Structures are given as C-alpha cells and as structure tokens.
PDB file of N, CA and C in Angstrom:
ATOM      1  N   MET A   1     109.269  92.631  93.245  1.00  0.00           N
ATOM      2  CA  MET A   1     108.534  92.400  94.478  1.00  0.00           C
ATOM      3  C   MET A   1     107.394  91.423  94.172  1.00  0.00           C
ATOM      4  N   ASN A   2     107.318  90.369  94.950  1.00  0.00           N
ATOM      5  CA  ASN A   2     106.272  89.376  94.711  1.00  0.00           C
ATOM      6  C   ASN A   2     105.065  89.619  95.622  1.00  0.00           C
ATOM      7  N   ARG A   3     104.033  88.818  95.417  1.00  0.00           N
ATOM      8  CA  ARG A   3     102.772  88.967  96.149  1.00  0.00           C
ATOM      9  C   ARG A   3     102.978  88.894  97.665  1.00  0.00           C
ATOM     10  N   ALA A   4     103.789  87.944  98.119  1.00  0.00           N
ATOM     11  CA  ALA A   4     104.043  87.798  99.553  1.00  0.00           C
ATOM     12  C   ALA A   4     104.744  89.027 100.122  1.00  0.00           C
ATOM     13  N   ASP A   5     105.661  89.615  99.360  1.00  0.00           N
ATOM     14  CA  ASP A   5     106.355  90.830  99.801  1.00  0.00           C
ATOM     15  C   ASP A   5     105.385  92.003  99.918  1.00  0.00           C
ATOM     16  N   ILE A   6     104.497  92.119  98.937  1.00  0.00           N
ATOM     17  CA  ILE A   6     103.506  93.197  98.949  1.00  0.00           C
ATOM     18  C   ILE A   6     102.590  93.048 100.166  1.00  0.00           C
ATOM     19  N   LEU A   7     102.120  91.832 100.406  1.00  0.00           N
ATOM     20  CA  LEU A   7     101.249  91.567 101.556  1.00  0.00           C
ATOM     21  C   LEU A   7     101.960  91.878 102.866  1.00  0.00           C
ATOM     22  N   ALA A   8     103.200  91.454 102.991  1.00  0.00           N
ATOM     23  CA  ALA A   8     103.971  91.720 104.213  1.00  0.00           C
ATOM     24  C   ALA A   8     104.138  93.220 104.444  1.00  0.00           C
ATOM     25  N   GLU A   9     104.407  93.959 103.385  1.00  0.00           N
ATOM     26  CA  GLU A   9     104.572  95.409 103.510  1.00  0.00           C
ATOM     27  C   GLU A   9     103.256  96.068 103.899  1.00  0.00           C
ATOM     28  N   LEU A  10     102.144  95.617 103.319  1.00  0.00           N
ATOM     29  CA  LEU A  10     100.841  96.174 103.697  1.00  0.00           C
ATOM     30  C   LEU A  10     100.513  95.881 105.156  1.00  0.00           C
ATOM     31  N   LYS A  11     100.829  94.691 105.620  1.00  0.00           N
ATOM     32  CA  LYS A  11     100.612  94.364 107.031  1.00  0.00           C
ATOM     33  C   LYS A  11     101.431  95.295 107.927  1.00  0.00           C
ATOM     34  N   ALA A  12     102.672  95.546 107.538  1.00  0.00           N
ATOM     35  CA  ALA A  12     103.527  96.455 108.319  1.00  0.00           C
ATOM     36  C   ALA A  12     102.946  97.865 108.325  1.00  0.00           C
ATOM     37  N   MET A  13     102.427  98.303 107.184  1.00  0.00           N
ATOM     38  CA  MET A  13     101.816  99.624 107.108  1.00  0.00           C
ATOM     39  C   MET A  13     100.567  99.700 107.978  1.00  0.00           C
ATOM     40  N   LEU A  14      99.768  98.657 107.990  1.00  0.00           N
ATOM     41  CA  LEU A  14      98.569  98.638 108.825  1.00  0.00           C
ATOM     42  C   LEU A  14      98.928  98.705 110.302  1.00  0.00           C
ATOM     43  N   ALA A  15      99.997  98.052 110.675  1.00  0.00           N
ATOM     44  CA  ALA A  15     100.462  98.119 112.061  1.00  0.00           C
ATOM     45  C   ALA A  15     100.938  99.527 112.390  1.00  0.00           C
ATOM     46  N   GLU A  16     101.685 100.107 111.469  1.00  0.00           N
ATOM     47  CA  GLU A  16     102.269 101.437 111.692  1.00  0.00           C
ATOM     48  C   GLU A  16     101.217 102.542 111.730  1.00  0.00           C
ATOM     49  N   PHE A  17     100.300 102.545 110.779  1.00  0.00           N
ATOM     50  CA  PHE A  17      99.359 103.656 110.658  1.00  0.00           C
ATOM     51  C   PHE A  17      97.988 103.389 111.256  1.00  0.00           C
ATOM     52  N   GLY A  18      97.627 102.121 111.384  1.00  0.00           N
ATOM     53  CA  GLY A  18      96.296 101.804 111.892  1.00  0.00           C
ATOM     54  C   GLY A  18      96.281 101.105 113.227  1.00  0.00           C
ATOM     55  N   GLY A  19      97.479 100.816 113.771  1.00  0.00           N
ATOM     56  CA  GLY A  19      97.544 100.123 115.051  1.00  0.00           C
ATOM     57  C   GLY A  19      96.979  98.714 114.986  1.00  0.00           C
ATOM     58  N   VAL A  20      97.085  98.087 113.826  1.00  0.00           N
ATOM     59  CA  VAL A  20      96.507  96.771 113.585  1.00  0.00           C
ATOM     60  C   VAL A  20      97.555  95.684 113.820  1.00  0.00           C
ATOM     61  N   ASP A  21      97.154  94.600 114.473  1.00  0.00           N
ATOM     62  CA  ASP A  21      98.030  93.443 114.656  1.00  0.00           C
ATOM     63  C   ASP A  21      98.172  92.741 113.307  1.00  0.00           C
ATOM     64  N   PRO A  22      99.379  92.697 112.739  1.00  0.00           N
ATOM     65  CA  PRO A  22      99.580  92.082 111.425  1.00  0.00           C
ATOM     66  C   PRO A  22      99.129  90.628 111.351  1.00  0.00           C
ATOM     67  N   GLU A  23      99.150  89.934 112.468  1.00  0.00           N
ATOM     68  CA  GLU A  23      98.724  88.528 112.484  1.00  0.00           C
ATOM     69  C   GLU A  23      97.219  88.377 112.244  1.00  0.00           C
ATOM     70  N   GLN A  24      96.479  89.453 112.420  1.00  0.00           N
ATOM     71  CA  GLN A  24      95.029  89.424 112.230  1.00  0.00           C
ATOM     72  C   GLN A  24      94.613  89.814 110.812  1.00  0.00           C
ATOM     73  N   VAL A  25      95.589  90.018 109.929  1.00  0.00           N
ATOM     74  CA  VAL A  25      95.307  90.505 108.582  1.00  0.00           C
ATOM     75  C   VAL A  25      95.617  89.429 107.550  1.00  0.00           C
ATOM     76  N   ASP A  26      94.666  89.230 106.642  1.00  0.00           N
ATOM     77  CA  ASP A  26      94.917  88.387 105.472  1.00  0.00           C
ATOM     78  C   ASP A  26      94.331  89.115 104.260  1.00  0.00           C
ATOM     79  N   GLU A  27      94.355  88.481 103.112  1.00  0.00           N
ATOM     80  CA  GLU A  27      93.921  89.170 101.897  1.00  0.00           C
ATOM     81  C   GLU A  27      92.426  89.476 101.888  1.00  0.00           C
ATOM     82  N   GLN A  28      91.636  88.766 102.665  1.00  0.00           N
ATOM     83  CA  GLN A  28      90.195  89.018 102.708  1.00  0.00           C
ATOM     84  C   GLN A  28      89.823  90.128 103.689  1.00  0.00           C
ATOM     85  N   THR A  29      90.763  90.594 104.466  1.00  0.00           N
ATOM     86  CA  THR A  29      90.500  91.615 105.472  1.00  0.00           C
ATOM     87  C   THR A  29      90.068  92.919 104.812  1.00  0.00           C
ATOM     88  N   ALA A  30      88.920  93.453 105.246  1.00  0.00           N
ATOM     89  CA  ALA A  30      88.397  94.724 104.742  1.00  0.00           C
ATOM     90  C   ALA A  30      88.877  95.853 105.655  1.00  0.00           C
ATOM     91  N   PHE A  31      89.336  96.930 105.037  1.00  0.00           N
ATOM     92  CA  PHE A  31      89.897  98.046 105.793  1.00  0.00           C
ATOM     93  C   PHE A  31      88.885  98.690 106.740  1.00  0.00           C
ATOM     94  N   ILE A  32      87.680  98.903 106.274  1.00  0.00           N
ATOM     95  CA  ILE A  32      86.678  99.583 107.103  1.00  0.00           C
ATOM     96  C   ILE A  32      85.853  98.576 107.898  1.00  0.00           C
ATOM     97  N   ALA A  33      85.279  97.603 107.219  1.00  0.00           N
ATOM     98  CA  ALA A  33      84.370  96.652 107.883  1.00  0.00           C
ATOM     99  C   ALA A  33      85.080  95.808 108.938  1.00  0.00           C
ATOM    100  N   ASP A  34      86.280  95.331 108.641  1.00  0.00           N
ATOM    101  CA  ASP A  34      86.988  94.448 109.578  1.00  0.00           C
ATOM    102  C   ASP A  34      87.922  95.192 110.533  1.00  0.00           C
ATOM    103  N   LEU A  35      88.588  96.210 110.020  1.00  0.00           N
ATOM    104  CA  LEU A  35      89.600  96.896 110.828  1.00  0.00           C
ATOM    105  C   LEU A  35      89.119  98.227 111.398  1.00  0.00           C
ATOM    106  N   GLY A  36      88.007  98.737 110.882  1.00  0.00           N
ATOM    107  CA  GLY A  36      87.456  99.995 111.396  1.00  0.00           C
ATOM    108  C   GLY A  36      88.309 101.215 111.105  1.00  0.00           C
ATOM    109  N   LEU A  37      89.107 101.149 110.039  1.00  0.00           N
ATOM    110  CA  LEU A  37      89.957 102.292 109.701  1.00  0.00           C
ATOM    111  C   LEU A  37      89.116 103.430 109.147  1.00  0.00           C
ATOM    112  N   ASP A  38      89.515 104.654 109.458  1.00  0.00           N
ATOM    113  CA  ASP A  38      88.776 105.801 108.933  1.00  0.00           C
ATOM    114  C   ASP A  38      89.437 106.314 107.653  1.00  0.00           C
ATOM    115  N   SER A  39      88.768 107.246 106.998  1.00  0.00           N
ATOM    116  CA  SER A  39      89.237 107.727 105.699  1.00  0.00           C
ATOM    117  C   SER A  39      90.594 108.420 105.792  1.00  0.00           C
ATOM    118  N   LEU A  40      90.888 109.078 106.891  1.00  0.00           N
ATOM    119  CA  LEU A  40      92.175 109.744 107.040  1.00  0.00           C
ATOM    120  C   LEU A  40      93.318 108.725 107.038  1.00  0.00           C
ATOM    121  N   VAL A  41      93.155 107.632 107.751  1.00  0.00           N
ATOM    122  CA  VAL A  41      94.165 106.573 107.775  1.00  0.00           C
ATOM    123  C   VAL A  41      94.310 105.972 106.380  1.00  0.00           C
ATOM    124  N   LEU A  42      93.209 105.754 105.705  1.00  0.00           N
ATOM    125  CA  LEU A  42      93.254 105.162 104.366  1.00  0.00           C
ATOM    126  C   LEU A  42      93.960 106.074 103.368  1.00  0.00           C
ATOM    127  N   VAL A  43      93.704 107.374 103.453  1.00  0.00           N
ATOM    128  CA  VAL A  43      94.392 108.322 102.568  1.00  0.00           C
ATOM    129  C   VAL A  43      95.888 108.311 102.851  1.00  0.00           C
ATOM    130  N   ARG A  44      96.251 108.349 104.104  1.00  0.00           N
ATOM    131  CA  ARG A  44      97.681 108.320 104.458  1.00  0.00           C
ATOM    132  C   ARG A  44      98.337 107.025 103.980  1.00  0.00           C
ATOM    133  N   MET A  45      97.655 105.911 104.155  1.00  0.00           N
ATOM    134  CA  MET A  45      98.209 104.635 103.700  1.00  0.00           C
ATOM    135  C   MET A  45      98.361 104.605 102.180  1.00  0.00           C
ATOM    136  N   THR A  46      97.431 105.219 101.475  1.00  0.00           N
ATOM    137  CA  THR A  46      97.528 105.273 100.013  1.00  0.00           C
ATOM    138  C   THR A  46      98.770 106.041  99.592  1.00  0.00           C
ATOM    139  N   VAL A  47      99.008 107.181 100.206  1.00  0.00           N
ATOM    140  CA  VAL A  47     100.188 107.991  99.886  1.00  0.00           C
ATOM    141  C   VAL A  47     101.464 107.214 100.185  1.00  0.00           C
ATOM    142  N   VAL A  48     101.522 106.575 101.329  1.00  0.00           N
ATOM    143  CA  VAL A  48     102.710 105.807 101.711  1.00  0.00           C
ATOM    144  C   VAL A  48     102.881 104.601 100.786  1.00  0.00           C
ATOM    145  N   ALA A  49     101.784 103.942 100.438  1.00  0.00           N
ATOM    146  CA  ALA A  49     101.863 102.793  99.520  1.00  0.00           C
ATOM    147  C   ALA A  49     102.421 103.228  98.171  1.00  0.00           C
ATOM    148  N   GLU A  50     101.990 104.379  97.686  1.00  0.00           N
ATOM    149  CA  GLU A  50     102.517 104.883  96.414  1.00  0.00           C
ATOM    150  C   GLU A  50     104.035 105.068  96.492  1.00  0.00           C
ATOM    151  N   GLU A  51     104.499 105.590  97.608  1.00  0.00           N
ATOM    152  CA  GLU A  51     105.942 105.804  97.784  1.00  0.00           C
ATOM    153  C   GLU A  51     106.696 104.487  97.932  1.00  0.00           C
ATOM    154  N   ARG A  52     106.216 103.613  98.788  1.00  0.00           N
ATOM    155  CA  ARG A  52     106.925 102.364  99.072  1.00  0.00           C
ATOM    156  C   ARG A  52     106.934 101.395  97.894  1.00  0.00           C
ATOM    157  N   PHE A  53     105.820 101.351  97.146  1.00  0.00           N
ATOM    158  CA  PHE A  53     105.736 100.416  96.027  1.00  0.00           C
ATOM    159  C   PHE A  53     106.096 101.065  94.696  1.00  0.00           C
ATOM    160  N   GLU A  54     106.298 102.389  94.735  1.00  0.00           N
ATOM    161  CA  GLU A  54     106.626 103.157  93.528  1.00  0.00           C
ATOM    162  C   GLU A  54     105.575 102.964  92.446  1.00  0.00           C
ATOM    163  N   VAL A  55     104.316 103.125  92.836  1.00  0.00           N
ATOM    164  CA  VAL A  55     103.185 103.045  91.926  1.00  0.00           C
ATOM    165  C   VAL A  55     102.294 104.263  92.131  1.00  0.00           C
ATOM    166  N   ARG A  56     101.447 104.510  91.176  1.00  0.00           N
ATOM    167  CA  ARG A  56     100.447 105.567  91.283  1.00  0.00           C
ATOM    168  C   ARG A  56      99.105 104.898  91.528  1.00  0.00           C
ATOM    169  N   ILE A  57      98.390 105.360  92.555  1.00  0.00           N
ATOM    170  CA  ILE A  57      97.052 104.843  92.851  1.00  0.00           C
ATOM    171  C   ILE A  57      96.093 106.028  92.747  1.00  0.00           C
ATOM    172  N   PRO A  58      95.442 106.178  91.598  1.00  0.00           N
ATOM    173  CA  PRO A  58      94.505 107.301  91.438  1.00  0.00           C
ATOM    174  C   PRO A  58      93.409 107.253  92.499  1.00  0.00           C
ATOM    175  N   ASP A  59      92.913 108.419  92.889  1.00  0.00           N
ATOM    176  CA  ASP A  59      91.884 108.500  93.926  1.00  0.00           C
ATOM    177  C   ASP A  59      90.684 107.621  93.616  1.00  0.00           C
ATOM    178  N   GLU A  60      90.225 107.643  92.351  1.00  0.00           N
ATOM    179  CA  GLU A  60      89.034 106.868  92.003  1.00  0.00           C
ATOM    180  C   GLU A  60      89.287 105.364  92.139  1.00  0.00           C
ATOM    181  N   VAL A  61      90.533 104.942  91.990  1.00  0.00           N
ATOM    182  CA  VAL A  61      90.895 103.537  92.187  1.00  0.00           C
ATOM    183  C   VAL A  61      91.024 103.239  93.677  1.00  0.00           C
ATOM    184  N   ALA A  62      91.682 104.113  94.401  1.00  0.00           N
ATOM    185  CA  ALA A  62      91.922 103.901  95.831  1.00  0.00           C
ATOM    186  C   ALA A  62      90.621 103.666  96.592  1.00  0.00           C
ATOM    187  N   TRP A  63      89.574 104.407  96.254  1.00  0.00           N
ATOM    188  CA  TRP A  63      88.306 104.273  96.965  1.00  0.00           C
ATOM    189  C   TRP A  63      87.585 102.980  96.631  1.00  0.00           C
ATOM    190  N   GLU A  64      88.043 102.263  95.610  1.00  0.00           N
ATOM    191  CA  GLU A  64      87.435 100.983  95.240  1.00  0.00           C
ATOM    192  C   GLU A  64      88.206  99.784  95.811  1.00  0.00           C
ATOM    193  N   LEU A  65      89.349 100.038  96.420  1.00  0.00           N
ATOM    194  CA  LEU A  65      90.185  98.971  96.985  1.00  0.00           C
ATOM    195  C   LEU A  65      89.787  98.774  98.444  1.00  0.00           C
ATOM    196  N   HIS A  66      88.801  97.916  98.674  1.00  0.00           N
ATOM    197  CA  HIS A  66      88.208  97.768 100.006  1.00  0.00           C
ATOM    198  C   HIS A  66      88.902  96.726 100.891  1.00  0.00           C
ATOM    199  N   THR A  67      89.669  95.833 100.277  1.00  0.00           N
ATOM    200  CA  THR A  67      90.329  94.778 101.053  1.00  0.00           C
ATOM    201  C   THR A  67      91.833  94.793 100.821  1.00  0.00           C
ATOM    202  N   VAL A  68      92.529  94.143 101.719  1.00  0.00           N
ATOM    203  CA  VAL A  68      93.981  94.016 101.593  1.00  0.00           C
ATOM    204  C   VAL A  68      94.320  93.314 100.278  1.00  0.00           C
ATOM    205  N   GLY A  69      93.584  92.275  99.946  1.00  0.00           N
ATOM    206  CA  GLY A  69      93.834  91.538  98.707  1.00  0.00           C
ATOM    207  C   GLY A  69      93.654  92.397  97.471  1.00  0.00           C
ATOM    208  N   ALA A  70      92.681  93.299  97.486  1.00  0.00           N
ATOM    209  CA  ALA A  70      92.462  94.194  96.350  1.00  0.00           C
ATOM    210  C   ALA A  70      93.677  95.098  96.139  1.00  0.00           C
ATOM    211  N   VAL A  71      94.261  95.572  97.220  1.00  0.00           N
ATOM    212  CA  VAL A  71      95.457  96.406  97.116  1.00  0.00           C
ATOM    213  C   VAL A  71      96.632  95.574  96.611  1.00  0.00           C
ATOM    214  N   VAL A  72      96.787  94.376  97.148  1.00  0.00           N
ATOM    215  CA  VAL A  72      97.860  93.485  96.691  1.00  0.00           C
ATOM    216  C   VAL A  72      97.715  93.243  95.190  1.00  0.00           C
ATOM    217  N   ASN A  73      96.514  92.951  94.735  1.00  0.00           N
ATOM    218  CA  ASN A  73      96.276  92.724  93.308  1.00  0.00           C
ATOM    219  C   ASN A  73      96.646  93.945  92.482  1.00  0.00           C
ATOM    220  N   TYR A  74      96.194  95.119  92.910  1.00  0.00           N
ATOM    221  CA  TYR A  74      96.460  96.343  92.162  1.00  0.00           C
ATOM    222  C   TYR A  74      97.961  96.608  92.069  1.00  0.00           C
ATOM    223  N   VAL A  75      98.649  96.518  93.195  1.00  0.00           N
ATOM    224  CA  VAL A  75     100.090  96.781  93.194  1.00  0.00           C
ATOM    225  C   VAL A  75     100.817  95.750  92.335  1.00  0.00           C
ATOM    226  N   GLU A  76     100.458  94.489  92.491  1.00  0.00           N
ATOM    227  CA  GLU A  76     101.107  93.434  91.718  1.00  0.00           C
ATOM    228  C   GLU A  76     100.898  93.649  90.213  1.00  0.00           C
ATOM    229  N   GLU A  77      99.675  93.965  89.809  1.00  0.00           N
ATOM    230  CA  GLU A  77      99.382  94.208  88.401  1.00  0.00           C
ATOM    231  C   GLU A  77     100.114  95.444  87.893  1.00  0.00           C
ATOM    232  N   THR A  78     100.150  96.488  88.706  1.00  0.00           N
ATOM    233  CA  THR A  78     100.826  97.713  88.300  1.00  0.00           C
ATOM    234  C   THR A  78     102.320  97.464  88.130  1.00  0.00           C
ATOM    235  N   LEU A  79     102.910  96.771  89.079  1.00  0.00           N
ATOM    236  CA  LEU A  79     104.343  96.490  88.995  1.00  0.00           C
ATOM    237  C   LEU A  79     104.678  95.596  87.811  1.00  0.00           C
ATOM    238  N   SER A  80     103.752  94.765  87.415  1.00  0.00           N
ATOM    239  CA  SER A  80     104.012  93.875  86.276  1.00  0.00           C
ATOM    240  C   SER A  80     103.757  94.576  84.951  1.00  0.00           C
ATOM    241  N   GLY A  81     103.283  95.839  85.011  1.00  0.00           N
ATOM    242  CA  GLY A  81     103.108  96.628  83.800  1.00  0.00           C
ATOM    243  C   GLY A  81     101.728  96.567  83.200  1.00  0.00           C
ATOM    244  N   ARG A  82     100.796  95.868  83.830  1.00  0.00           N
ATOM    245  CA  ARG A  82      99.463  95.727  83.254  1.00  0.00           C
ATOM    246  C   ARG A  82      98.581  96.948  83.443  1.00  0.00           C
ATOM    247  N   THR A  83      98.911  97.828  84.433  1.00  0.00           N
ATOM    248  CA  THR A  83      98.081  99.009  84.640  1.00  0.00           C
ATOM    249  C   THR A  83      98.895 100.286  84.664  1.00  0.00           C
ATOM    250  N   GLY A  84     100.071 100.282  84.026  1.00  0.00           N
ATOM    251  CA  GLY A  84     100.829 101.512  83.892  1.00  0.00           C
ATOM    252  C   GLY A  84     101.778 101.818  85.014  1.00  0.00           C
ATOM    253  N   ALA A  85     102.642 100.904  85.363  1.00  0.00           N
ATOM    254  CA  ALA A  85     103.629 101.139  86.427  1.00  0.00           C
ATOM    255  C   ALA A  85     104.527 102.295  86.077  1.00  0.00           C
ATOM    256  N   GLN A  86     104.912 103.039  87.100  1.00  0.00           N
ATOM    257  CA  GLN A  86     105.874 104.122  86.903  1.00  0.00           C
ATOM    258  C   GLN A  86     107.267 103.542  86.866  1.00  0.00           C
ATOM    259  N   SER A  87     108.143 104.217  86.159  1.00  0.00           N
ATOM    260  CA  SER A  87     109.537 103.753  86.127  1.00  0.00           C
ATOM    261  C   SER A  87     110.364 104.446  87.168  1.00  0.00           C
TER     262      SER A  87
END
C-alpha cells in the first residue's frame, strides 16, 4: 500500500465516521482543529485504521497523531517495517 492509497483510505474513513467531505481533506488537515472531531470518533477511527491497515497504533502514539499526514506517515513507516509492522 502506497502513500496515496493510505491517504485515500483515511479520507474514506473520515467520510464514514466523521461525516467529512473527503475533498476538504489533505495531509495538513487537523482532526480536531480543522474537522472538529471528538475523541470518540478518533478512538473509533484508530481501531478501524488498525484493522484496515493491519498495523498496531498504541494509545500513546494515537494521541500524538494530530493531522491526516501524521497518520499517513505512521502507517507508511509501520508498513515498511520501520516501526514494527505486524505480519
């Protein structure tokens, strides 16, 4: 899965769980400041992201991923094996 695929999937998840227009999302988009998502939506998205991308996102990491780009970076790095991707 490449960076563009990860971004597209995150946009789809934001539409599904946050009611966000995917066209309004880019890598600089902040989940809380720009989209107004609450912690419940963010927790649910984290769980779904772990399932869809087959990665583990520890709670202490998840709370530091404030933008779409930060999540894309984390997933991309994890999938490439730099942060302990699951098999």
